[in-house]
Structures are given as C-alpha cells and as structure tokens.
Amino acid sequence: MTGAAPLVLSLSFETIVATLAGGFEALVESATGWPGVGIVFVYSFLIAFVLPGPSEIVLAAPLDLGLSQTGRLGVIMLVSATGKAAGSVLAFHVGQEVKQAGPVVRWLRRSRWDVMEWSENQSVQLAQQYGYAGLAGALCVPFFPDTISIYAFAVLERDYVRFAAATFVGSLGRLVVTIGLIGGAVTIF
C-alpha cells in the first residue's frame, strides 16, 4: 500500500463536547429505574461544568421508580438541582483559578461563546444589582445555556456555599418554570 495517505481526523474541542452532549442527552432520554437517577445526576453535573445543552431534558427521563408522576418529577428535579449545584462548585473553583490566569482569560475572550464579554455585560450587572439572587434568577430562565451563567458568576463571586445554594435554587426554579410552561402549553392545546 504505497502512496496511501494516513487517515487524519481533526476534531475541535467544540465538536467533541457537542458529540458528548448528544450522547448524554440520548442516555438521559432512555434512562429508567433507579440507575437512571444516577444518570440524571451525572448529566446535570456535566451541564453545569462542561456540556453545552439543555438541562431541561432531564424532565423527559422515563424513570420508573414506583412513584406517582409528581413523585417521579420531584425526584428528578431534586437530583438534577443537586447535580448541577455540585458541578457548579467545580466550575466555581475553575472560575477562581481563571481570575488568576491571563492566558485563560485571553482564550475565553476569543472563544466561540464569548464568555468574557457576556460576563462583563450581563453578569456583572446582575451580580452587582442582585448578588446570588441574580444568579438564581438567571438560572431560572428555561432553554438558556446555564453553563455560561455559572462560569460568568464564578469569575465574579467568592463564596462557594452561597454559590452552590444559588445554583441549586436556580436549577430547581428552572425546572419548575419549564414544567409550568409545558403544562400551560398542553392545557392551551
């Protein structure tokens, strides 16, 4: 086989993360039983830390837990909010390190998501005006990429416990708002 060129795969970081996110979403959508609760936790943890995707997808997990529909949704929501709070603590730690790292800040300014510009414009205003309540409120907005909000606030704030609590409340609020929107939409149609 002379003259055959080697096969070279060139994948960007964003492509790899998007592929992983799609795989995790499919895993969540097929998760069942109590092991599925662990999948919801891991997915929520990763959404807070690295995966760009909808955290609301956990509501579609077909978990058969032997509970009522309300009980099942309650378990999913509490586990998801706990996973996202845990992932946010890791993101918070990374954010604290980023404040000290010039090359990382320069990379974030050039990144596809333009995290730093968003942070400087929207998050600074929310943090200055509302503090941790602003973070919780920002995370209550369904279908908005909350990973960006988490990192933006992580760079600005300093209290791990209050940050985790705000992320938990905001994540839980987001799922409640989503259920309200979906329930309202179903009622209308």
N, C-alpha and C. Protein backbone atom coordinates (compact mmCIF):
# COMPACT_ATOMS: atom_id res chain seq x y z
N MET A 1 0.83 -1.17 0.00
CA MET A 1 0.00 0.00 0.00
C MET A 1 0.87 1.24 0.00
N THR A 2 1.66 1.39 -0.98
CA THR A 2 2.48 2.59 -1.07
C THR A 2 1.63 3.73 -1.59
N GLY A 3 1.95 4.88 -1.15
CA GLY A 3 1.24 6.07 -1.61
C GLY A 3 -0.07 6.33 -0.90
N ALA A 4 -0.47 5.45 -0.01
CA ALA A 4 -1.73 5.68 0.70
C ALA A 4 -1.52 6.70 1.82
N ALA A 5 -2.33 7.70 1.82
CA ALA A 5 -2.22 8.74 2.84
C ALA A 5 -2.90 8.25 4.13
N PRO A 6 -2.30 8.55 5.26
CA PRO A 6 -2.94 8.15 6.51
C PRO A 6 -4.23 8.94 6.73
N LEU A 7 -5.18 8.30 7.35
CA LEU A 7 -6.43 8.95 7.67
C LEU A 7 -6.21 9.84 8.89
N VAL A 8 -6.51 11.11 8.74
CA VAL A 8 -6.31 12.06 9.83
C VAL A 8 -7.68 12.64 10.20
N LEU A 9 -8.02 12.50 11.46
CA LEU A 9 -9.25 13.08 11.95
C LEU A 9 -8.92 14.35 12.73
N SER A 10 -9.55 15.39 12.35
CA SER A 10 -9.32 16.66 13.03
C SER A 10 -10.65 17.09 13.66
N LEU A 11 -10.71 17.00 14.97
CA LEU A 11 -11.91 17.40 15.68
C LEU A 11 -11.60 18.55 16.62
N SER A 12 -12.43 19.55 16.58
CA SER A 12 -12.23 20.67 17.50
C SER A 12 -12.79 20.29 18.87
N PHE A 13 -12.38 21.03 19.87
CA PHE A 13 -12.88 20.81 21.22
C PHE A 13 -14.40 20.94 21.25
N GLU A 14 -14.93 21.96 20.54
CA GLU A 14 -16.37 22.18 20.50
C GLU A 14 -17.10 21.00 19.87
N THR A 15 -16.53 20.40 18.83
CA THR A 15 -17.14 19.24 18.18
C THR A 15 -17.19 18.05 19.13
N ILE A 16 -16.11 17.83 19.84
CA ILE A 16 -16.05 16.72 20.78
C ILE A 16 -17.08 16.91 21.89
N VAL A 17 -17.14 18.10 22.45
CA VAL A 17 -18.09 18.38 23.54
C VAL A 17 -19.53 18.24 23.03
N ALA A 18 -19.81 18.75 21.83
CA ALA A 18 -21.17 18.65 21.28
C ALA A 18 -21.55 17.19 21.05
N THR A 19 -20.62 16.37 20.60
CA THR A 19 -20.87 14.95 20.40
C THR A 19 -21.16 14.26 21.73
N LEU A 20 -20.36 14.58 22.74
CA LEU A 20 -20.59 14.02 24.07
C LEU A 20 -21.95 14.45 24.61
N ALA A 21 -22.29 15.71 24.42
CA ALA A 21 -23.57 16.23 24.91
C ALA A 21 -24.73 15.46 24.26
N GLY A 22 -24.65 15.24 22.95
CA GLY A 22 -25.69 14.49 22.26
C GLY A 22 -25.82 13.08 22.78
N GLY A 23 -24.69 12.45 23.08
CA GLY A 23 -24.71 11.10 23.65
C GLY A 23 -25.32 11.07 25.03
N PHE A 24 -24.99 12.06 25.85
CA PHE A 24 -25.56 12.13 27.20
C PHE A 24 -27.05 12.42 27.14
N GLU A 25 -27.47 13.29 26.22
CA GLU A 25 -28.90 13.58 26.09
C GLU A 25 -29.66 12.32 25.74
N ALA A 26 -29.15 11.53 24.80
CA ALA A 26 -29.80 10.28 24.43
C ALA A 26 -29.83 9.31 25.62
N LEU A 27 -28.76 9.28 26.39
CA LEU A 27 -28.70 8.43 27.57
C LEU A 27 -29.76 8.85 28.60
N VAL A 28 -29.91 10.15 28.82
CA VAL A 28 -30.91 10.65 29.76
C VAL A 28 -32.31 10.31 29.27
N GLU A 29 -32.55 10.49 27.98
CA GLU A 29 -33.88 10.23 27.41
C GLU A 29 -34.26 8.76 27.47
N SER A 30 -33.28 7.88 27.66
CA SER A 30 -33.60 6.45 27.76
C SER A 30 -33.36 5.90 29.16
N ALA A 31 -32.98 6.75 30.10
CA ALA A 31 -32.68 6.32 31.47
C ALA A 31 -33.96 5.85 32.15
N THR A 32 -33.87 4.71 32.82
CA THR A 32 -35.03 4.20 33.52
C THR A 32 -34.61 3.59 34.85
N GLY A 33 -35.54 3.49 35.74
CA GLY A 33 -35.27 2.90 37.05
C GLY A 33 -34.36 3.76 37.89
N TRP A 34 -33.99 3.21 39.06
CA TRP A 34 -33.14 3.96 39.98
C TRP A 34 -31.74 4.23 39.41
N PRO A 35 -31.17 3.33 38.58
CA PRO A 35 -29.88 3.69 37.97
C PRO A 35 -30.00 4.95 37.09
N GLY A 36 -31.18 5.19 36.54
CA GLY A 36 -31.41 6.38 35.74
C GLY A 36 -31.30 7.65 36.56
N VAL A 37 -31.57 7.55 37.86
CA VAL A 37 -31.42 8.70 38.75
C VAL A 37 -29.95 9.13 38.77
N GLY A 38 -29.05 8.14 38.78
CA GLY A 38 -27.61 8.44 38.72
C GLY A 38 -27.24 9.12 37.41
N ILE A 39 -27.86 8.68 36.33
CA ILE A 39 -27.60 9.30 35.02
C ILE A 39 -28.06 10.75 35.02
N VAL A 40 -29.22 11.01 35.62
CA VAL A 40 -29.72 12.39 35.72
C VAL A 40 -28.73 13.24 36.51
N PHE A 41 -28.20 12.70 37.61
CA PHE A 41 -27.24 13.44 38.43
C PHE A 41 -25.98 13.75 37.62
N VAL A 42 -25.41 12.75 36.96
CA VAL A 42 -24.17 12.95 36.20
C VAL A 42 -24.39 13.94 35.06
N TYR A 43 -25.49 13.81 34.35
CA TYR A 43 -25.78 14.73 33.25
C TYR A 43 -25.89 16.16 33.78
N SER A 44 -26.61 16.35 34.89
CA SER A 44 -26.78 17.68 35.46
C SER A 44 -25.46 18.25 35.95
N PHE A 45 -24.63 17.40 36.53
CA PHE A 45 -23.30 17.81 36.96
C PHE A 45 -22.49 18.31 35.77
N LEU A 46 -22.50 17.53 34.68
CA LEU A 46 -21.73 17.90 33.49
C LEU A 46 -22.29 19.13 32.79
N ILE A 47 -23.61 19.31 32.82
CA ILE A 47 -24.22 20.51 32.22
C ILE A 47 -23.69 21.76 32.91
N ALA A 48 -23.54 21.69 34.23
CA ALA A 48 -23.05 22.85 34.97
C ALA A 48 -21.58 23.11 34.69
N PHE A 49 -20.85 22.06 34.42
CA PHE A 49 -19.40 22.18 34.32
C PHE A 49 -18.89 22.32 32.89
N VAL A 50 -19.42 21.51 31.95
CA VAL A 50 -18.79 21.50 30.62
C VAL A 50 -19.74 21.32 29.44
N LEU A 51 -20.85 20.61 29.58
CA LEU A 51 -21.68 20.31 28.42
C LEU A 51 -22.58 21.47 28.02
N PRO A 52 -22.55 21.82 26.74
CA PRO A 52 -23.49 22.84 26.27
C PRO A 52 -24.77 22.17 25.82
N GLY A 53 -25.79 22.28 26.59
CA GLY A 53 -27.03 21.60 26.22
C GLY A 53 -28.14 21.99 27.15
N PRO A 54 -29.33 21.51 26.85
CA PRO A 54 -30.49 21.85 27.68
C PRO A 54 -30.54 21.00 28.95
N SER A 55 -30.55 21.65 30.08
CA SER A 55 -30.66 20.90 31.32
C SER A 55 -32.08 20.39 31.53
N GLU A 56 -33.04 20.99 30.85
CA GLU A 56 -34.44 20.59 31.00
C GLU A 56 -34.71 19.19 30.46
N ILE A 57 -33.81 18.65 29.70
CA ILE A 57 -34.01 17.32 29.11
C ILE A 57 -34.21 16.25 30.18
N VAL A 58 -33.73 16.50 31.39
CA VAL A 58 -33.89 15.51 32.46
C VAL A 58 -35.36 15.26 32.77
N LEU A 59 -36.22 16.23 32.51
CA LEU A 59 -37.65 16.05 32.76
C LEU A 59 -38.25 14.98 31.86
N ALA A 60 -37.60 14.68 30.76
CA ALA A 60 -38.08 13.66 29.83
C ALA A 60 -37.59 12.26 30.17
N ALA A 61 -36.74 12.13 31.18
CA ALA A 61 -36.22 10.80 31.55
C ALA A 61 -37.38 9.90 31.97
N PRO A 62 -37.51 8.74 31.33
CA PRO A 62 -38.64 7.85 31.63
C PRO A 62 -38.38 6.96 32.86
N LEU A 63 -38.00 7.58 33.94
CA LEU A 63 -37.67 6.82 35.14
C LEU A 63 -38.92 6.14 35.70
N ASP A 64 -38.85 4.83 35.87
CA ASP A 64 -39.93 4.09 36.50
C ASP A 64 -39.45 3.77 37.92
N LEU A 65 -39.88 4.61 38.87
CA LEU A 65 -39.38 4.49 40.23
C LEU A 65 -40.44 3.95 41.18
N GLY A 66 -41.60 3.58 40.65
CA GLY A 66 -42.67 3.11 41.51
C GLY A 66 -43.34 4.25 42.27
N LEU A 67 -43.19 5.46 41.78
CA LEU A 67 -43.77 6.65 42.41
C LEU A 67 -44.85 7.23 41.50
N SER A 68 -45.63 8.14 42.06
CA SER A 68 -46.59 8.87 41.24
C SER A 68 -45.82 9.76 40.27
N GLN A 69 -46.52 10.31 39.31
CA GLN A 69 -45.89 11.23 38.35
C GLN A 69 -45.28 12.42 39.07
N THR A 70 -45.98 12.94 40.07
CA THR A 70 -45.47 14.07 40.85
C THR A 70 -44.22 13.67 41.62
N GLY A 71 -44.25 12.49 42.23
CA GLY A 71 -43.09 11.99 42.97
C GLY A 71 -41.89 11.77 42.07
N ARG A 72 -42.13 11.21 40.88
CA ARG A 72 -41.06 10.98 39.91
C ARG A 72 -40.43 12.30 39.49
N LEU A 73 -41.26 13.29 39.16
CA LEU A 73 -40.73 14.60 38.77
C LEU A 73 -40.00 15.27 39.93
N GLY A 74 -40.51 15.09 41.14
CA GLY A 74 -39.85 15.65 42.31
C GLY A 74 -38.45 15.07 42.50
N VAL A 75 -38.32 13.75 42.34
CA VAL A 75 -37.01 13.10 42.46
C VAL A 75 -36.08 13.61 41.37
N ILE A 76 -36.57 13.66 40.14
CA ILE A 76 -35.75 14.14 39.02
C ILE A 76 -35.28 15.57 39.29
N MET A 77 -36.18 16.43 39.72
CA MET A 77 -35.84 17.83 39.93
C MET A 77 -34.84 18.01 41.06
N LEU A 78 -35.03 17.30 42.17
CA LEU A 78 -34.08 17.42 43.29
C LEU A 78 -32.71 16.86 42.94
N VAL A 79 -32.69 15.72 42.26
CA VAL A 79 -31.41 15.11 41.87
C VAL A 79 -30.70 15.98 40.84
N SER A 80 -31.44 16.52 39.89
CA SER A 80 -30.85 17.38 38.87
C SER A 80 -30.28 18.65 39.50
N ALA A 81 -31.06 19.28 40.37
CA ALA A 81 -30.59 20.52 41.02
C ALA A 81 -29.35 20.24 41.88
N THR A 82 -29.33 19.10 42.55
CA THR A 82 -28.16 18.73 43.36
C THR A 82 -26.95 18.48 42.47
N GLY A 83 -27.14 17.78 41.36
CA GLY A 83 -26.04 17.53 40.43
C GLY A 83 -25.51 18.82 39.84
N LYS A 84 -26.41 19.72 39.48
CA LYS A 84 -25.97 20.99 38.91
C LYS A 84 -25.25 21.84 39.95
N ALA A 85 -25.72 21.81 41.20
CA ALA A 85 -25.04 22.55 42.26
C ALA A 85 -23.64 21.99 42.48
N ALA A 86 -23.51 20.67 42.46
CA ALA A 86 -22.18 20.04 42.63
C ALA A 86 -21.26 20.41 41.46
N GLY A 87 -21.78 20.34 40.25
CA GLY A 87 -20.99 20.72 39.08
C GLY A 87 -20.62 22.19 39.10
N SER A 88 -21.51 23.01 39.63
CA SER A 88 -21.22 24.44 39.69
C SER A 88 -20.09 24.75 40.66
N VAL A 89 -19.97 23.93 41.71
CA VAL A 89 -18.86 24.14 42.65
C VAL A 89 -17.54 23.88 41.94
N LEU A 90 -17.50 22.85 41.09
CA LEU A 90 -16.29 22.60 40.30
C LEU A 90 -16.05 23.76 39.34
N ALA A 91 -17.11 24.22 38.68
CA ALA A 91 -16.98 25.37 37.77
C ALA A 91 -16.55 26.61 38.54
N PHE A 92 -17.06 26.76 39.75
CA PHE A 92 -16.69 27.89 40.60
C PHE A 92 -15.20 27.86 40.90
N HIS A 93 -14.70 26.68 41.23
CA HIS A 93 -13.26 26.56 41.51
C HIS A 93 -12.44 26.92 40.26
N VAL A 94 -12.87 26.42 39.11
CA VAL A 94 -12.18 26.76 37.86
C VAL A 94 -12.24 28.27 37.64
N GLY A 95 -13.41 28.87 37.90
CA GLY A 95 -13.56 30.31 37.73
C GLY A 95 -12.63 31.10 38.64
N GLN A 96 -12.42 30.61 39.85
CA GLN A 96 -11.50 31.27 40.77
C GLN A 96 -10.06 31.21 40.22
N GLU A 97 -9.71 30.08 39.64
CA GLU A 97 -8.38 29.94 39.04
C GLU A 97 -8.24 30.81 37.80
N VAL A 98 -9.33 30.93 37.03
CA VAL A 98 -9.31 31.72 35.79
C VAL A 98 -8.98 33.18 36.10
N LYS A 99 -9.49 33.67 37.23
CA LYS A 99 -9.21 35.06 37.59
C LYS A 99 -7.72 35.33 37.70
N GLN A 100 -6.98 34.29 38.00
CA GLN A 100 -5.53 34.43 38.19
C GLN A 100 -4.74 34.12 36.92
N ALA A 101 -5.39 33.58 35.89
CA ALA A 101 -4.67 33.09 34.72
C ALA A 101 -4.94 33.97 33.49
N GLY A 102 -3.99 34.80 33.15
CA GLY A 102 -4.10 35.67 31.98
C GLY A 102 -4.34 34.93 30.67
N PRO A 103 -3.60 33.84 30.37
CA PRO A 103 -3.82 33.13 29.11
C PRO A 103 -5.22 32.54 29.00
N VAL A 104 -5.78 32.07 30.11
CA VAL A 104 -7.13 31.51 30.08
C VAL A 104 -8.14 32.60 29.78
N VAL A 105 -7.99 33.75 30.41
CA VAL A 105 -8.90 34.87 30.16
C VAL A 105 -8.82 35.29 28.69
N ARG A 106 -7.61 35.35 28.14
CA ARG A 106 -7.47 35.71 26.72
C ARG A 106 -8.15 34.66 25.83
N TRP A 107 -8.01 33.37 26.17
CA TRP A 107 -8.66 32.31 25.39
C TRP A 107 -10.18 32.45 25.47
N LEU A 108 -10.72 32.74 26.68
CA LEU A 108 -12.16 32.89 26.84
C LEU A 108 -12.68 34.07 26.03
N ARG A 109 -11.91 35.14 25.94
CA ARG A 109 -12.33 36.30 25.14
C ARG A 109 -12.44 35.94 23.66
N ARG A 110 -11.61 35.02 23.19
CA ARG A 110 -11.62 34.62 21.78
C ARG A 110 -12.52 33.42 21.52
N SER A 111 -13.09 32.80 22.56
CA SER A 111 -13.85 31.57 22.39
C SER A 111 -15.14 31.80 21.62
N ARG A 112 -15.70 30.72 21.15
CA ARG A 112 -16.93 30.75 20.38
C ARG A 112 -18.08 31.35 21.18
N TRP A 113 -18.12 31.10 22.47
CA TRP A 113 -19.22 31.57 23.30
C TRP A 113 -19.00 32.98 23.82
N ASP A 114 -17.83 33.52 23.67
CA ASP A 114 -17.50 34.87 24.10
C ASP A 114 -17.94 35.10 25.55
N VAL A 115 -17.55 34.16 26.41
CA VAL A 115 -17.95 34.15 27.81
C VAL A 115 -17.58 35.43 28.51
N MET A 116 -16.40 35.93 28.27
CA MET A 116 -15.94 37.11 28.99
C MET A 116 -16.77 38.34 28.66
N GLU A 117 -17.08 38.56 27.40
CA GLU A 117 -17.89 39.73 27.04
C GLU A 117 -19.27 39.63 27.67
N TRP A 118 -19.87 38.43 27.58
CA TRP A 118 -21.18 38.24 28.19
C TRP A 118 -21.10 38.49 29.70
N SER A 119 -20.05 37.96 30.31
CA SER A 119 -19.84 38.13 31.74
C SER A 119 -19.75 39.60 32.10
N GLU A 120 -18.96 40.32 31.34
CA GLU A 120 -18.76 41.73 31.65
C GLU A 120 -20.04 42.55 31.44
N ASN A 121 -20.84 42.20 30.47
CA ASN A 121 -22.03 42.99 30.17
C ASN A 121 -23.24 42.61 31.04
N GLN A 122 -23.65 41.35 31.01
CA GLN A 122 -24.88 40.92 31.68
C GLN A 122 -24.63 40.51 33.14
N SER A 123 -23.68 39.64 33.35
CA SER A 123 -23.49 39.07 34.68
C SER A 123 -23.00 40.07 35.70
N VAL A 124 -22.14 40.96 35.28
CA VAL A 124 -21.66 41.97 36.21
C VAL A 124 -22.84 42.80 36.71
N GLN A 125 -23.73 43.17 35.81
CA GLN A 125 -24.91 43.94 36.21
C GLN A 125 -25.79 43.15 37.18
N LEU A 126 -26.06 41.88 36.85
CA LEU A 126 -26.87 41.06 37.74
C LEU A 126 -26.21 40.86 39.10
N ALA A 127 -24.92 40.57 39.09
CA ALA A 127 -24.20 40.32 40.34
C ALA A 127 -24.15 41.57 41.21
N GLN A 128 -23.88 42.71 40.59
CA GLN A 128 -23.81 43.96 41.35
C GLN A 128 -25.17 44.35 41.89
N GLN A 129 -26.19 44.13 41.09
CA GLN A 129 -27.51 44.57 41.49
C GLN A 129 -28.20 43.58 42.43
N TYR A 130 -28.06 42.28 42.16
CA TYR A 130 -28.83 41.29 42.91
C TYR A 130 -28.00 40.22 43.59
N GLY A 131 -26.69 40.18 43.38
CA GLY A 131 -25.83 39.19 44.01
C GLY A 131 -26.21 37.76 43.64
N TYR A 132 -26.23 36.90 44.64
CA TYR A 132 -26.52 35.49 44.40
C TYR A 132 -27.96 35.26 43.97
N ALA A 133 -28.86 36.14 44.38
CA ALA A 133 -30.24 36.05 43.91
C ALA A 133 -30.30 36.28 42.40
N GLY A 134 -29.41 37.13 41.88
CA GLY A 134 -29.32 37.35 40.43
C GLY A 134 -28.89 36.09 39.70
N LEU A 135 -27.94 35.35 40.28
CA LEU A 135 -27.53 34.08 39.69
C LEU A 135 -28.70 33.11 39.68
N ALA A 136 -29.38 32.97 40.82
CA ALA A 136 -30.52 32.05 40.89
C ALA A 136 -31.58 32.44 39.86
N GLY A 137 -31.85 33.73 39.75
CA GLY A 137 -32.83 34.21 38.77
C GLY A 137 -32.41 33.93 37.34
N ALA A 138 -31.13 34.16 37.04
CA ALA A 138 -30.64 33.90 35.68
C ALA A 138 -30.75 32.42 35.33
N LEU A 139 -30.54 31.56 36.31
CA LEU A 139 -30.61 30.12 36.06
C LEU A 139 -32.05 29.62 35.95
N CYS A 140 -33.02 30.42 36.33
CA CYS A 140 -34.43 30.03 36.22
C CYS A 140 -34.97 30.17 34.79
N VAL A 141 -34.20 30.78 33.92
CA VAL A 141 -34.67 31.01 32.55
C VAL A 141 -34.49 29.73 31.75
N PRO A 142 -35.61 29.10 31.35
CA PRO A 142 -35.50 27.84 30.60
C PRO A 142 -34.85 28.02 29.23
N PHE A 143 -34.17 26.98 28.81
CA PHE A 143 -33.58 26.85 27.48
C PHE A 143 -32.46 27.85 27.20
N PHE A 144 -31.97 28.54 28.21
CA PHE A 144 -30.81 29.41 28.07
C PHE A 144 -29.60 28.62 28.56
N PRO A 145 -28.47 28.67 27.86
CA PRO A 145 -27.30 27.88 28.28
C PRO A 145 -26.77 28.33 29.64
N ASP A 146 -27.10 27.57 30.67
CA ASP A 146 -26.73 27.98 32.02
C ASP A 146 -25.26 27.79 32.34
N THR A 147 -24.54 27.02 31.55
CA THR A 147 -23.10 26.86 31.78
C THR A 147 -22.42 28.23 31.69
N ILE A 148 -22.87 29.06 30.77
CA ILE A 148 -22.29 30.40 30.61
C ILE A 148 -22.55 31.24 31.86
N SER A 149 -23.78 31.22 32.36
CA SER A 149 -24.11 31.98 33.57
C SER A 149 -23.27 31.51 34.75
N ILE A 150 -23.13 30.21 34.89
CA ILE A 150 -22.38 29.66 36.01
C ILE A 150 -20.93 30.13 35.97
N TYR A 151 -20.29 30.02 34.81
CA TYR A 151 -18.89 30.45 34.72
C TYR A 151 -18.76 31.96 34.88
N ALA A 152 -19.70 32.70 34.33
CA ALA A 152 -19.62 34.16 34.46
C ALA A 152 -19.69 34.57 35.92
N PHE A 153 -20.61 34.01 36.67
CA PHE A 153 -20.71 34.33 38.09
C PHE A 153 -19.54 33.75 38.87
N ALA A 154 -19.03 32.62 38.44
CA ALA A 154 -17.90 32.00 39.15
C ALA A 154 -16.68 32.92 39.13
N VAL A 155 -16.52 33.66 38.07
CA VAL A 155 -15.38 34.56 37.96
C VAL A 155 -15.59 35.78 38.87
N LEU A 156 -16.84 36.14 39.10
CA LEU A 156 -17.15 37.35 39.84
C LEU A 156 -17.27 37.16 41.35
N GLU A 157 -17.70 36.02 41.79
CA GLU A 157 -18.03 35.81 43.20
C GLU A 157 -16.97 35.02 43.93
N ARG A 158 -17.14 34.87 45.28
CA ARG A 158 -16.10 34.23 46.08
C ARG A 158 -16.60 33.18 47.06
N ASP A 159 -17.87 33.13 47.36
CA ASP A 159 -18.40 32.27 48.40
C ASP A 159 -18.93 30.96 47.81
N TYR A 160 -18.22 29.85 48.05
CA TYR A 160 -18.59 28.55 47.49
C TYR A 160 -19.98 28.11 47.93
N VAL A 161 -20.28 28.22 49.21
CA VAL A 161 -21.55 27.71 49.73
C VAL A 161 -22.72 28.51 49.18
N ARG A 162 -22.63 29.82 49.20
CA ARG A 162 -23.71 30.66 48.66
C ARG A 162 -23.87 30.44 47.15
N PHE A 163 -22.74 30.24 46.47
CA PHE A 163 -22.78 29.98 45.03
C PHE A 163 -23.51 28.67 44.75
N ALA A 164 -23.16 27.62 45.50
CA ALA A 164 -23.81 26.32 45.32
C ALA A 164 -25.30 26.41 45.65
N ALA A 165 -25.65 27.12 46.73
CA ALA A 165 -27.06 27.28 47.10
C ALA A 165 -27.84 28.02 46.02
N ALA A 166 -27.25 29.09 45.48
CA ALA A 166 -27.91 29.85 44.41
C ALA A 166 -28.09 29.00 43.16
N THR A 167 -27.10 28.16 42.86
CA THR A 167 -27.20 27.30 41.69
C THR A 167 -28.28 26.24 41.90
N PHE A 168 -28.36 25.70 43.10
CA PHE A 168 -29.39 24.71 43.41
C PHE A 168 -30.78 25.34 43.26
N VAL A 169 -30.98 26.50 43.88
CA VAL A 169 -32.29 27.17 43.83
C VAL A 169 -32.64 27.54 42.38
N GLY A 170 -31.68 28.10 41.66
CA GLY A 170 -31.92 28.48 40.27
C GLY A 170 -32.21 27.29 39.38
N SER A 171 -31.51 26.20 39.58
CA SER A 171 -31.72 24.99 38.77
C SER A 171 -33.09 24.39 39.06
N LEU A 172 -33.45 24.34 40.33
CA LEU A 172 -34.77 23.83 40.70
C LEU A 172 -35.86 24.75 40.14
N GLY A 173 -35.65 26.06 40.25
CA GLY A 173 -36.60 27.02 39.71
C GLY A 173 -36.77 26.89 38.21
N ARG A 174 -35.68 26.64 37.52
CA ARG A 174 -35.72 26.47 36.07
C ARG A 174 -36.61 25.29 35.68
N LEU A 175 -36.48 24.19 36.41
CA LEU A 175 -37.29 23.01 36.11
C LEU A 175 -38.76 23.25 36.44
N VAL A 176 -39.02 23.98 37.52
CA VAL A 176 -40.40 24.32 37.88
C VAL A 176 -41.02 25.22 36.80
N VAL A 177 -40.27 26.23 36.36
CA VAL A 177 -40.75 27.12 35.29
C VAL A 177 -41.00 26.32 34.01
N THR A 178 -40.10 25.40 33.68
CA THR A 178 -40.25 24.58 32.47
C THR A 178 -41.52 23.75 32.55
N ILE A 179 -41.74 23.11 33.70
CA ILE A 179 -42.96 22.30 33.87
C ILE A 179 -44.19 23.19 33.75
N GLY A 180 -44.12 24.39 34.33
CA GLY A 180 -45.23 25.33 34.21
C GLY A 180 -45.50 25.72 32.77
N LEU A 181 -44.43 25.98 32.01
CA LEU A 181 -44.59 26.33 30.59
C LEU A 181 -45.14 25.16 29.80
N ILE A 182 -44.60 23.99 30.02
CA ILE A 182 -45.06 22.80 29.29
C ILE A 182 -46.49 22.47 29.67
N GLY A 183 -46.79 22.53 30.96
CA GLY A 183 -48.16 22.26 31.42
C GLY A 183 -49.13 23.28 30.87
N GLY A 184 -48.73 24.56 30.84
CA GLY A 184 -49.58 25.59 30.28
C GLY A 184 -49.80 25.41 28.79
N ALA A 185 -48.75 25.00 28.09
CA ALA A 185 -48.85 24.79 26.64
C ALA A 185 -49.77 23.60 26.35
N VAL A 186 -49.68 22.56 27.16
CA VAL A 186 -50.52 21.37 26.96
C VAL A 186 -51.98 21.74 27.25
N THR A 187 -52.22 22.55 28.26
CA THR A 187 -53.56 22.96 28.62
C THR A 187 -54.19 23.81 27.51
N ILE A 188 -53.38 24.67 26.90
CA ILE A 188 -53.88 25.54 25.83
C ILE A 188 -54.30 24.72 24.61
N PHE A 189 -53.51 23.71 24.28
CA PHE A 189 -53.79 22.91 23.09
C PHE A 189 -54.62 21.73 23.50
